[in-house]
Amino acid sequence: MNTQLDQLKTLNHNTIIELVGDEPAKIHKFHIEFLKQSSAILRTIIQSFNSDDFSEIKNQAHFLKTSAKAVGAERSAYFLETIESYSLERNKAAIKQVIIKLNGEFKAIKKELTYDQH
C-alpha cells in the first residue's frame, strides 16, 4: 500500500463542512447525492471499460473526481485520478484493479454514512 493513500480518508468531514458549513442535514444530502452519482458513473466507467473506450473512462473518472474532492471522499478521488492516468496509458489490467478498489471505497462510504446516522 502506498503511504499517500494511507494518509487519505474515506470521508474527510472537514472538507464538506468548509464547503457547506456545519449543517448535518445539508451534508447528509450532499453525501447521498454523491453516492447516487458515483454509482451511476461507476456503471458508465465499467461499460466504457468493456468497450475499450479509454477517453470516456478518463472523462467519467475526471468528472466524478471533482465531486469526490468536494465531499471529502479523498480515497475515492485518489482512485479516480489513478484511473485517469491508466486510461491515458490504455492500461486495462491496471484500470480493472483500481475499479475494484474504487467500488470497495464506495461501499466503505455508504457504510460510514449509515453508521453516522445512528
Protein backbone atom coordinates (compact mmCIF):
# COMPACT_ATOMS: atom_id res chain seq x y z
CA MET A 1 0.00 0.00 0.00
CA ASN A 2 1.41 3.41 -0.73
CA THR A 3 1.83 5.99 2.01
CA GLN A 4 -0.03 8.70 0.15
CA LEU A 5 -3.16 6.53 0.12
CA ASP A 6 -2.72 5.61 3.79
CA GLN A 7 -2.98 9.28 4.73
CA LEU A 8 -6.24 9.78 2.86
CA LYS A 9 -9.64 9.42 4.48
CA THR A 10 -12.69 7.60 3.16
CA LEU A 11 -14.65 10.72 4.11
CA ASN A 12 -12.94 13.82 5.42
CA HIS A 13 -15.81 15.59 7.15
CA ASN A 14 -13.83 18.85 7.42
CA THR A 15 -13.84 19.20 3.63
CA ILE A 16 -17.62 19.22 3.31
CA ILE A 17 -18.02 21.42 6.41
CA GLU A 18 -15.77 24.00 4.71
CA LEU A 19 -17.95 23.74 1.60
CA VAL A 20 -21.48 23.92 3.07
CA GLY A 21 -20.96 24.84 6.73
CA ASP A 22 -21.59 22.66 9.76
CA GLU A 23 -25.11 21.70 8.72
CA PRO A 24 -25.64 17.95 9.21
CA ALA A 25 -28.83 17.77 7.09
CA LYS A 26 -27.21 19.58 4.15
CA ILE A 27 -24.03 17.50 4.48
CA HIS A 28 -26.06 14.29 4.51
CA LYS A 29 -27.88 15.39 1.34
CA PHE A 30 -24.54 16.08 -0.41
CA HIS A 31 -23.19 12.67 0.62
CA ILE A 32 -26.31 10.86 -0.59
CA GLU A 33 -26.17 12.73 -3.92
CA PHE A 34 -22.50 11.80 -4.26
CA LEU A 35 -23.28 8.12 -3.67
CA LYS A 36 -26.07 8.18 -6.29
CA GLN A 37 -23.80 9.94 -8.76
CA SER A 38 -20.85 7.63 -8.07
CA SER A 39 -22.94 4.52 -8.58
CA ALA A 40 -24.24 5.81 -11.95
CA ILE A 41 -20.80 6.94 -13.10
CA LEU A 42 -19.15 3.71 -11.99
CA ARG A 43 -21.62 1.85 -14.24
CA THR A 44 -20.65 4.14 -17.14
CA ILE A 45 -16.94 3.61 -16.41
CA ILE A 46 -17.46 -0.18 -16.45
CA GLN A 47 -19.42 0.00 -19.73
CA SER A 48 -16.68 2.14 -21.26
CA PHE A 49 -14.08 -0.28 -19.88
CA ASN A 50 -15.87 -3.22 -21.51
CA SER A 51 -15.89 -1.44 -24.88
CA ASP A 52 -12.27 -0.20 -24.56
CA ASP A 53 -13.38 3.45 -24.64
CA PHE A 54 -10.42 4.83 -22.70
CA SER A 55 -11.21 8.50 -23.35
CA GLU A 56 -14.70 8.05 -21.90
CA ILE A 57 -13.28 6.21 -18.87
CA LYS A 58 -10.93 9.15 -18.33
CA ASN A 59 -13.71 11.75 -18.77
CA GLN A 60 -16.07 10.00 -16.35
CA ALA A 61 -13.32 9.43 -13.78
CA HIS A 62 -12.30 13.09 -14.02
CA PHE A 63 -15.89 14.28 -13.61
CA LEU A 64 -16.51 12.12 -10.54
CA LYS A 65 -13.10 13.02 -9.06
CA THR A 66 -14.23 16.65 -8.84
CA SER A 67 -17.35 15.63 -6.87
CA ALA A 68 -15.35 13.25 -4.68
CA LYS A 69 -12.94 16.03 -3.73
CA ALA A 70 -15.85 18.38 -2.95
CA VAL A 71 -17.48 15.97 -0.48
CA GLY A 72 -14.16 14.94 1.07
CA ALA A 73 -14.08 11.42 -0.39
CA GLU A 74 -10.28 11.56 -0.53
CA ARG A 75 -9.55 7.90 -1.21
CA SER A 76 -12.18 7.80 -3.98
CA ALA A 77 -10.66 10.91 -5.57
CA TYR A 78 -7.23 9.25 -5.43
CA PHE A 79 -8.52 6.08 -7.14
CA LEU A 80 -10.35 8.13 -9.78
CA GLU A 81 -7.18 10.09 -10.51
CA THR A 82 -5.32 6.78 -10.84
CA ILE A 83 -7.97 5.55 -13.30
CA GLU A 84 -7.48 8.75 -15.30
CA SER A 85 -3.72 8.11 -15.53
CA TYR A 86 -4.14 4.47 -16.52
CA SER A 87 -6.71 5.48 -19.16
CA LEU A 88 -4.12 7.67 -20.84
CA GLU A 89 -1.80 4.64 -20.91
CA ARG A 90 -4.68 2.38 -22.05
CA ASN A 91 -3.65 0.02 -19.25
CA LYS A 92 -6.76 -2.13 -19.00
CA ALA A 93 -5.46 -4.60 -16.38
CA ALA A 94 -4.46 -1.76 -14.04
CA ILE A 95 -7.77 0.07 -14.56
CA LYS A 96 -9.66 -3.09 -13.63
CA GLN A 97 -7.77 -3.39 -10.34
CA VAL A 98 -8.46 0.25 -9.46
CA ILE A 99 -12.17 -0.05 -10.38
CA ILE A 100 -12.40 -2.91 -7.86
CA LYS A 101 -10.74 -0.76 -5.18
CA LEU A 102 -12.97 2.19 -6.05
CA ASN A 103 -16.09 0.07 -5.75
CA GLY A 104 -14.89 -1.07 -2.32
CA GLU A 105 -14.33 2.55 -1.35
CA PHE A 106 -17.91 3.49 -2.34
CA LYS A 107 -19.15 0.65 -0.13
CA ALA A 108 -17.00 1.99 2.73
CA ILE A 109 -18.53 5.47 2.27
CA LYS A 110 -22.03 4.01 2.32
CA LYS A 111 -21.18 2.07 5.48
CA GLU A 112 -19.69 5.14 7.15
CA LEU A 113 -22.76 7.22 6.30
CA THR A 114 -25.12 4.54 7.56
CA TYR A 115 -23.11 4.36 10.76
CA ASP A 116 -23.17 8.17 11.13
CA GLN A 117 -26.96 8.16 11.10
CA HIS A 118 -27.19 6.17 14.34
